[in-house]
């Protein structure tokens, strides 16, 4: 059994949010009959508030609690997360910091984490050491575009998973940063930050989860 969870980025209104259309698309896919598909909406967040440490921690803990609830309701389900923008940071940190909320429950284990327009970066830390190498995330896919200025100049560091772009002014990306880890980078140089919400990319994400 699988649980598929979609989480959005900042400045996202509830109406017409991509997480709902994506979940509807997943539910219509016969490969996921009997699985759980859940959108996670944490509310509209102004850009200025996204760098507030208190708010950031609050959103991380909120998503961590949500993931705990999903595992409690569906203990046999493998967790799969599709995240965009600020949602990539929230979801990654919730997985990384899981265990802080409950030593008894241990870490939250995720089957596949798909990041679109990711702001997760190695410029602040070395997150793969206590997530993928620790077994908290089994497989991670990162979708990144050099044309995505939100990621290129975001306050958290360069876009992609762990330094996906070699340099903020260099469009060449590392094809796979760590050979011994299940990290897969999917690069395009043509997409803006919110151009991923098409059936083409949603299908790619579902194909990854279905494997």
C-alpha atoms as a PDB file:
ATOM      1  CA  UNK A   1       0.000   0.000   0.000  1.00  0.00           C
ATOM      2  CA  UNK A   2       1.204   3.498  -0.829  1.00  0.00           C
ATOM      3  CA  UNK A   3       0.427   6.950   0.504  1.00  0.00           C
ATOM      4  CA  UNK A   4       0.994   9.797  -1.958  1.00  0.00           C
ATOM      5  CA  UNK A   5       1.229  13.255  -0.406  1.00  0.00           C
ATOM      6  CA  UNK A   6       1.499  16.595  -2.226  1.00  0.00           C
ATOM      7  CA  UNK A   7       2.755  19.750  -0.502  1.00  0.00           C
ATOM      8  CA  UNK A   8       2.852  23.258  -2.040  1.00  0.00           C
ATOM      9  CA  UNK A   9       5.139  26.289  -1.763  1.00  0.00           C
ATOM     10  CA  UNK A  10       4.725  29.822  -0.423  1.00  0.00           C
ATOM     11  CA  UNK A  11       2.228  32.392  -1.715  1.00  0.00           C
ATOM     12  CA  UNK A  12      -0.175  29.564  -2.560  1.00  0.00           C
ATOM     13  CA  UNK A  13      -3.890  30.061  -2.167  1.00  0.00           C
ATOM     14  CA  UNK A  14      -6.138  27.116  -1.400  1.00  0.00           C
ATOM     15  CA  UNK A  15      -8.303  27.762  -4.447  1.00  0.00           C
ATOM     16  CA  UNK A  16      -6.903  26.262  -7.649  1.00  0.00           C
ATOM     17  CA  UNK A  17      -3.863  24.938  -5.810  1.00  0.00           C
ATOM     18  CA  UNK A  18      -1.934  22.351  -7.834  1.00  0.00           C
ATOM     19  CA  UNK A  19      -1.900  19.847  -4.964  1.00  0.00           C
ATOM     20  CA  UNK A  20      -5.613  19.155  -5.432  1.00  0.00           C
ATOM     21  CA  UNK A  21      -5.519  18.685  -9.206  1.00  0.00           C
ATOM     22  CA  UNK A  22      -2.452  16.474  -8.830  1.00  0.00           C
ATOM     23  CA  UNK A  23      -4.188  14.315  -6.239  1.00  0.00           C
ATOM     24  CA  UNK A  24      -7.251  14.005  -8.478  1.00  0.00           C
ATOM     25  CA  UNK A  25      -4.959  12.968 -11.329  1.00  0.00           C
ATOM     26  CA  UNK A  26      -3.315  10.343  -9.118  1.00  0.00           C
ATOM     27  CA  UNK A  27      -6.644   8.968  -7.941  1.00  0.00           C
ATOM     28  CA  UNK A  28      -7.718   8.472 -11.547  1.00  0.00           C
ATOM     29  CA  UNK A  29      -4.595   6.384 -12.237  1.00  0.00           C
ATOM     30  CA  UNK A  30      -5.546   2.703 -12.020  1.00  0.00           C
ATOM     31  CA  UNK A  31      -2.080   1.851 -10.674  1.00  0.00           C
ATOM     32  CA  UNK A  32      -2.988   3.534  -7.396  1.00  0.00           C
ATOM     33  CA  UNK A  33      -6.334   1.905  -6.704  1.00  0.00           C
ATOM     34  CA  UNK A  34      -6.476   1.088  -3.017  1.00  0.00           C
ATOM     35  CA  UNK A  35      -3.729   3.589  -2.219  1.00  0.00           C
ATOM     36  CA  UNK A  36      -4.086   6.803  -0.214  1.00  0.00           C
ATOM     37  CA  UNK A  37      -3.683  10.164  -1.965  1.00  0.00           C
ATOM     38  CA  UNK A  38      -3.575  13.262   0.242  1.00  0.00           C
ATOM     39  CA  UNK A  39      -3.010  16.974  -0.404  1.00  0.00           C
ATOM     40  CA  UNK A  40      -1.337  18.925   2.405  1.00  0.00           C
ATOM     41  CA  UNK A  41      -2.218  22.618   2.538  1.00  0.00           C
ATOM     42  CA  UNK A  42      -0.444  24.620   5.250  1.00  0.00           C
ATOM     43  CA  UNK A  43      -1.791  28.005   4.228  1.00  0.00           C
ATOM     44  CA  UNK A  44      -0.760  31.130   2.363  1.00  0.00           C
ATOM     45  CA  UNK A  45       2.716  32.272   3.394  1.00  0.00           C
ATOM     46  CA  UNK A  46       4.107  35.669   2.300  1.00  0.00           C
ATOM     47  CA  UNK A  47       7.662  35.544   0.959  1.00  0.00           C
ATOM     48  CA  UNK A  48       8.981  37.752   3.756  1.00  0.00           C
ATOM     49  CA  UNK A  49       7.746  35.270   6.358  1.00  0.00           C
ATOM     50  CA  UNK A  50       9.420  32.276   4.707  1.00  0.00           C
ATOM     51  CA  UNK A  51      12.792  33.249   6.191  1.00  0.00           C
ATOM     52  CA  UNK A  52      11.387  33.646   9.696  1.00  0.00           C
ATOM     53  CA  UNK A  53      12.941  30.869  11.772  1.00  0.00           C
ATOM     54  CA  UNK A  54       9.942  30.552  14.090  1.00  0.00           C
ATOM     55  CA  UNK A  55       7.470  30.183  11.213  1.00  0.00           C
ATOM     56  CA  UNK A  56       9.759  27.769   9.371  1.00  0.00           C
ATOM     57  CA  UNK A  57      10.005  25.507  12.413  1.00  0.00           C
ATOM     58  CA  UNK A  58       6.260  25.701  12.963  1.00  0.00           C
ATOM     59  CA  UNK A  59       5.558  24.528   9.406  1.00  0.00           C
ATOM     60  CA  UNK A  60       8.134  21.759   9.674  1.00  0.00           C
ATOM     61  CA  UNK A  61       6.603  20.479  12.893  1.00  0.00           C
ATOM     62  CA  UNK A  62       3.116  20.747  11.409  1.00  0.00           C
ATOM     63  CA  UNK A  63       4.051  18.577   8.442  1.00  0.00           C
ATOM     64  CA  UNK A  64       5.879  16.165  10.705  1.00  0.00           C
ATOM     65  CA  UNK A  65       2.696  15.773  12.748  1.00  0.00           C
ATOM     66  CA  UNK A  66       0.710  15.223   9.558  1.00  0.00           C
ATOM     67  CA  UNK A  67       3.079  12.468   8.401  1.00  0.00           C
ATOM     68  CA  UNK A  68       2.829  10.818  11.818  1.00  0.00           C
ATOM     69  CA  UNK A  69      -0.947  10.880  11.476  1.00  0.00           C
ATOM     70  CA  UNK A  70      -0.828   9.250   8.039  1.00  0.00           C
ATOM     71  CA  UNK A  71       1.383   6.443   9.355  1.00  0.00           C
ATOM     72  CA  UNK A  72      -0.903   5.998  12.331  1.00  0.00           C
ATOM     73  CA  UNK A  73      -3.992   5.756  10.115  1.00  0.00           C
ATOM     74  CA  UNK A  74      -2.267   3.613   7.469  1.00  0.00           C
ATOM     75  CA  UNK A  75       0.608   1.778   9.197  1.00  0.00           C
ATOM     76  CA  UNK A  76       1.286  -0.455   6.187  1.00  0.00           C
ATOM     77  CA  UNK A  77       1.530   2.417   3.706  1.00  0.00           C
ATOM     78  CA  UNK A  78       4.838   3.490   2.159  1.00  0.00           C
ATOM     79  CA  UNK A  79       5.065   7.280   2.265  1.00  0.00           C
ATOM     80  CA  UNK A  80       5.726   9.090  -1.018  1.00  0.00           C
ATOM     81  CA  UNK A  81       5.929  12.887  -1.136  1.00  0.00           C
ATOM     82  CA  UNK A  82       5.765  15.311  -4.060  1.00  0.00           C
ATOM     83  CA  UNK A  83       6.854  18.803  -2.986  1.00  0.00           C
ATOM     84  CA  UNK A  84       7.332  22.179  -4.639  1.00  0.00           C
ATOM     85  CA  UNK A  85       9.447  25.178  -3.645  1.00  0.00           C
ATOM     86  CA  UNK A  86       9.171  25.935   0.087  1.00  0.00           C
ATOM     87  CA  UNK A  87       7.383  22.616   0.442  1.00  0.00           C
ATOM     88  CA  UNK A  88      10.642  20.880  -0.467  1.00  0.00           C
ATOM     89  CA  UNK A  89      12.345  22.483   2.532  1.00  0.00           C
ATOM     90  CA  UNK A  90       9.432  21.732   4.857  1.00  0.00           C
ATOM     91  CA  UNK A  91       9.159  18.101   3.802  1.00  0.00           C
ATOM     92  CA  UNK A  92      12.901  17.435   3.803  1.00  0.00           C
ATOM     93  CA  UNK A  93      13.421  18.978   7.213  1.00  0.00           C
ATOM     94  CA  UNK A  94      10.375  17.175   8.638  1.00  0.00           C
ATOM     95  CA  UNK A  95      11.899  13.861   7.574  1.00  0.00           C
ATOM     96  CA  UNK A  96      15.379  14.830   8.712  1.00  0.00           C
ATOM     97  CA  UNK A  97      14.249  16.061  12.132  1.00  0.00           C
ATOM     98  CA  UNK A  98      11.741  13.284  12.756  1.00  0.00           C
ATOM     99  CA  UNK A  99      12.610  11.612  16.013  1.00  0.00           C
ATOM    100  CA  UNK A 100      12.917  14.962  17.749  1.00  0.00           C
ATOM    101  CA  UNK A 101       9.157  14.844  18.234  1.00  0.00           C
ATOM    102  CA  UNK A 102       9.142  11.291  19.599  1.00  0.00           C
ATOM    103  CA  UNK A 103      12.101   9.076  20.450  1.00  0.00           C
ATOM    104  CA  UNK A 104       9.715   6.176  20.977  1.00  0.00           C
ATOM    105  CA  UNK A 105       8.264   6.427  17.458  1.00  0.00           C
ATOM    106  CA  UNK A 106      11.642   6.878  15.816  1.00  0.00           C
ATOM    107  CA  UNK A 107      12.282   8.532  12.431  1.00  0.00           C
ATOM    108  CA  UNK A 108       9.683   8.971   9.703  1.00  0.00           C
ATOM    109  CA  UNK A 109      10.666   6.750   6.782  1.00  0.00           C
ATOM    110  CA  UNK A 110       9.841   7.856   3.246  1.00  0.00           C
ATOM    111  CA  UNK A 111       9.906   5.665   0.166  1.00  0.00           C
ATOM    112  CA  UNK A 112      10.274   8.342  -2.527  1.00  0.00           C
ATOM    113  CA  UNK A 113      10.670  12.099  -2.178  1.00  0.00           C
ATOM    114  CA  UNK A 114      10.156  14.142  -5.346  1.00  0.00           C
ATOM    115  CA  UNK A 115      11.307  17.759  -5.236  1.00  0.00           C
ATOM    116  CA  UNK A 116      10.264  20.298  -7.890  1.00  0.00           C
ATOM    117  CA  UNK A 117      11.864  23.735  -7.818  1.00  0.00           C
ATOM    118  CA  UNK A 118      13.785  22.586  -4.779  1.00  0.00           C
ATOM    119  CA  UNK A 119      15.455  24.910  -2.280  1.00  0.00           C
ATOM    120  CA  UNK A 120      17.078  22.081  -0.309  1.00  0.00           C
ATOM    121  CA  UNK A 121      20.784  22.799  -0.432  1.00  0.00           C
ATOM    122  CA  UNK A 122      24.139  21.665   0.910  1.00  0.00           C
ATOM    123  CA  UNK A 123      25.296  25.221   1.312  1.00  0.00           C
ATOM    124  CA  UNK A 124      23.937  25.295   4.865  1.00  0.00           C
ATOM    125  CA  UNK A 125      24.513  21.713   5.900  1.00  0.00           C
ATOM    126  CA  UNK A 126      25.211  18.218   4.632  1.00  0.00           C
ATOM    127  CA  UNK A 127      21.683  16.828   4.817  1.00  0.00           C
ATOM    128  CA  UNK A 128      22.228  13.582   2.906  1.00  0.00           C
ATOM    129  CA  UNK A 129      24.308  12.199   5.781  1.00  0.00           C
ATOM    130  CA  UNK A 130      21.338  11.889   8.130  1.00  0.00           C
ATOM    131  CA  UNK A 131      18.539  11.326   5.628  1.00  0.00           C
ATOM    132  CA  UNK A 132      19.477   9.138   2.671  1.00  0.00           C
ATOM    133  CA  UNK A 133      22.527   7.537   4.262  1.00  0.00           C
ATOM    134  CA  UNK A 134      20.565   7.060   7.454  1.00  0.00           C
ATOM    135  CA  UNK A 135      17.789   5.340   5.510  1.00  0.00           C
ATOM    136  CA  UNK A 136      15.081   7.930   6.247  1.00  0.00           C
ATOM    137  CA  UNK A 137      14.608   8.526   2.511  1.00  0.00           C
ATOM    138  CA  UNK A 138      14.912   5.531   0.210  1.00  0.00           C
ATOM    139  CA  UNK A 139      14.979   7.415  -3.091  1.00  0.00           C
ATOM    140  CA  UNK A 140      14.974  11.095  -4.005  1.00  0.00           C
ATOM    141  CA  UNK A 141      14.268  12.819  -7.329  1.00  0.00           C
ATOM    142  CA  UNK A 142      15.028  16.484  -7.914  1.00  0.00           C
ATOM    143  CA  UNK A 143      13.588  18.535 -10.772  1.00  0.00           C
ATOM    144  CA  UNK A 144      15.547  21.703 -11.438  1.00  0.00           C
ATOM    145  CA  UNK A 145      15.782  24.403 -14.113  1.00  0.00           C
ATOM    146  CA  UNK A 146      18.480  27.007 -14.627  1.00  0.00           C
ATOM    147  CA  UNK A 147      15.749  29.438 -15.683  1.00  0.00           C
ATOM    148  CA  UNK A 148      14.190  29.107 -12.227  1.00  0.00           C
ATOM    149  CA  UNK A 149      15.340  32.392 -10.690  1.00  0.00           C
ATOM    150  CA  UNK A 150      13.430  31.756  -7.460  1.00  0.00           C
ATOM    151  CA  UNK A 151      15.717  28.804  -6.798  1.00  0.00           C
ATOM    152  CA  UNK A 152      18.877  30.380  -8.165  1.00  0.00           C
ATOM    153  CA  UNK A 153      18.627  33.338  -5.823  1.00  0.00           C
ATOM    154  CA  UNK A 154      16.672  31.966  -2.895  1.00  0.00           C
ATOM    155  CA  UNK A 155      18.033  32.786   0.599  1.00  0.00           C
ATOM    156  CA  UNK A 156      18.568  29.115   1.455  1.00  0.00           C
ATOM    157  CA  UNK A 157      21.226  28.494  -1.225  1.00  0.00           C
ATOM    158  CA  UNK A 158      21.427  27.303  -4.812  1.00  0.00           C
ATOM    159  CA  UNK A 159      18.617  25.143  -6.146  1.00  0.00           C
ATOM    160  CA  UNK A 160      18.415  21.400  -6.340  1.00  0.00           C
ATOM    161  CA  UNK A 161      19.419  18.643  -4.015  1.00  0.00           C
ATOM    162  CA  UNK A 162      22.758  19.336  -2.389  1.00  0.00           C
ATOM    163  CA  UNK A 163      24.272  21.826  -4.801  1.00  0.00           C
ATOM    164  CA  UNK A 164      22.523  20.695  -7.973  1.00  0.00           C
ATOM    165  CA  UNK A 165      23.789  23.749  -9.847  1.00  0.00           C
ATOM    166  CA  UNK A 166      27.568  24.010  -9.918  1.00  0.00           C
ATOM    167  CA  UNK A 167      27.408  27.784  -9.667  1.00  0.00           C
ATOM    168  CA  UNK A 168      24.670  30.397  -9.663  1.00  0.00           C
ATOM    169  CA  UNK A 169      25.985  31.739 -12.999  1.00  0.00           C
ATOM    170  CA  UNK A 170      26.810  28.335 -14.526  1.00  0.00           C
ATOM    171  CA  UNK A 171      23.887  26.467 -16.168  1.00  0.00           C
ATOM    172  CA  UNK A 172      25.770  23.163 -16.122  1.00  0.00           C
ATOM    173  CA  UNK A 173      24.533  20.819 -13.417  1.00  0.00           C
ATOM    174  CA  UNK A 174      25.935  17.741 -11.800  1.00  0.00           C
ATOM    175  CA  UNK A 175      24.185  14.720 -13.375  1.00  0.00           C
ATOM    176  CA  UNK A 176      24.209  12.800 -10.084  1.00  0.00           C
ATOM    177  CA  UNK A 177      25.975  14.200  -7.040  1.00  0.00           C
ATOM    178  CA  UNK A 178      26.472  10.953  -5.119  1.00  0.00           C
ATOM    179  CA  UNK A 179      26.961   7.622  -6.879  1.00  0.00           C
ATOM    180  CA  UNK A 180      26.329   5.614  -3.739  1.00  0.00           C
ATOM    181  CA  UNK A 181      22.943   7.198  -2.998  1.00  0.00           C
ATOM    182  CA  UNK A 182      19.581   6.967  -4.721  1.00  0.00           C
ATOM    183  CA  UNK A 183      19.501  10.615  -5.780  1.00  0.00           C
ATOM    184  CA  UNK A 184      18.328  11.369  -9.307  1.00  0.00           C
ATOM    185  CA  UNK A 185      18.547  14.831 -10.829  1.00  0.00           C
ATOM    186  CA  UNK A 186      16.220  15.790 -13.665  1.00  0.00           C
ATOM    187  CA  UNK A 187      17.449  18.987 -15.267  1.00  0.00           C
ATOM    188  CA  UNK A 188      15.771  21.305 -17.721  1.00  0.00           C
ATOM    189  CA  UNK A 189      16.858  24.814 -18.656  1.00  0.00           C
ATOM    190  CA  UNK A 190      13.473  25.991 -19.870  1.00  0.00           C
ATOM    191  CA  UNK A 191      11.104  26.073 -16.895  1.00  0.00           C
ATOM    192  CA  UNK A 192      10.215  28.899 -14.559  1.00  0.00           C
ATOM    193  CA  UNK A 193       9.474  28.198 -10.920  1.00  0.00           C
ATOM    194  CA  UNK A 194       5.781  27.347 -11.322  1.00  0.00           C
ATOM    195  CA  UNK A 195       5.907  25.684 -14.740  1.00  0.00           C
ATOM    196  CA  UNK A 196       5.954  22.129 -13.367  1.00  0.00           C
ATOM    197  CA  UNK A 197       2.219  21.847 -12.854  1.00  0.00           C
ATOM    198  CA  UNK A 198       1.360  20.153 -16.104  1.00  0.00           C
ATOM    199  CA  UNK A 199       0.103  16.663 -16.822  1.00  0.00           C
ATOM    200  CA  UNK A 200       3.489  15.918 -18.406  1.00  0.00           C
ATOM    201  CA  UNK A 201       5.370  16.372 -15.140  1.00  0.00           C
ATOM    202  CA  UNK A 202       2.619  15.001 -12.944  1.00  0.00           C
ATOM    203  CA  UNK A 203       2.712  11.833 -15.048  1.00  0.00           C
ATOM    204  CA  UNK A 204       6.479  11.595 -14.633  1.00  0.00           C
ATOM    205  CA  UNK A 205       6.107  11.870 -10.855  1.00  0.00           C
ATOM    206  CA  UNK A 206       3.431   9.188 -10.725  1.00  0.00           C
ATOM    207  CA  UNK A 207       5.552   6.907 -12.916  1.00  0.00           C
ATOM    208  CA  UNK A 208       8.402   7.264 -10.405  1.00  0.00           C
ATOM    209  CA  UNK A 209       6.150   6.417  -7.476  1.00  0.00           C
ATOM    210  CA  UNK A 210       4.567   3.489  -9.300  1.00  0.00           C
ATOM    211  CA  UNK A 211       7.893   1.735  -9.911  1.00  0.00           C
END
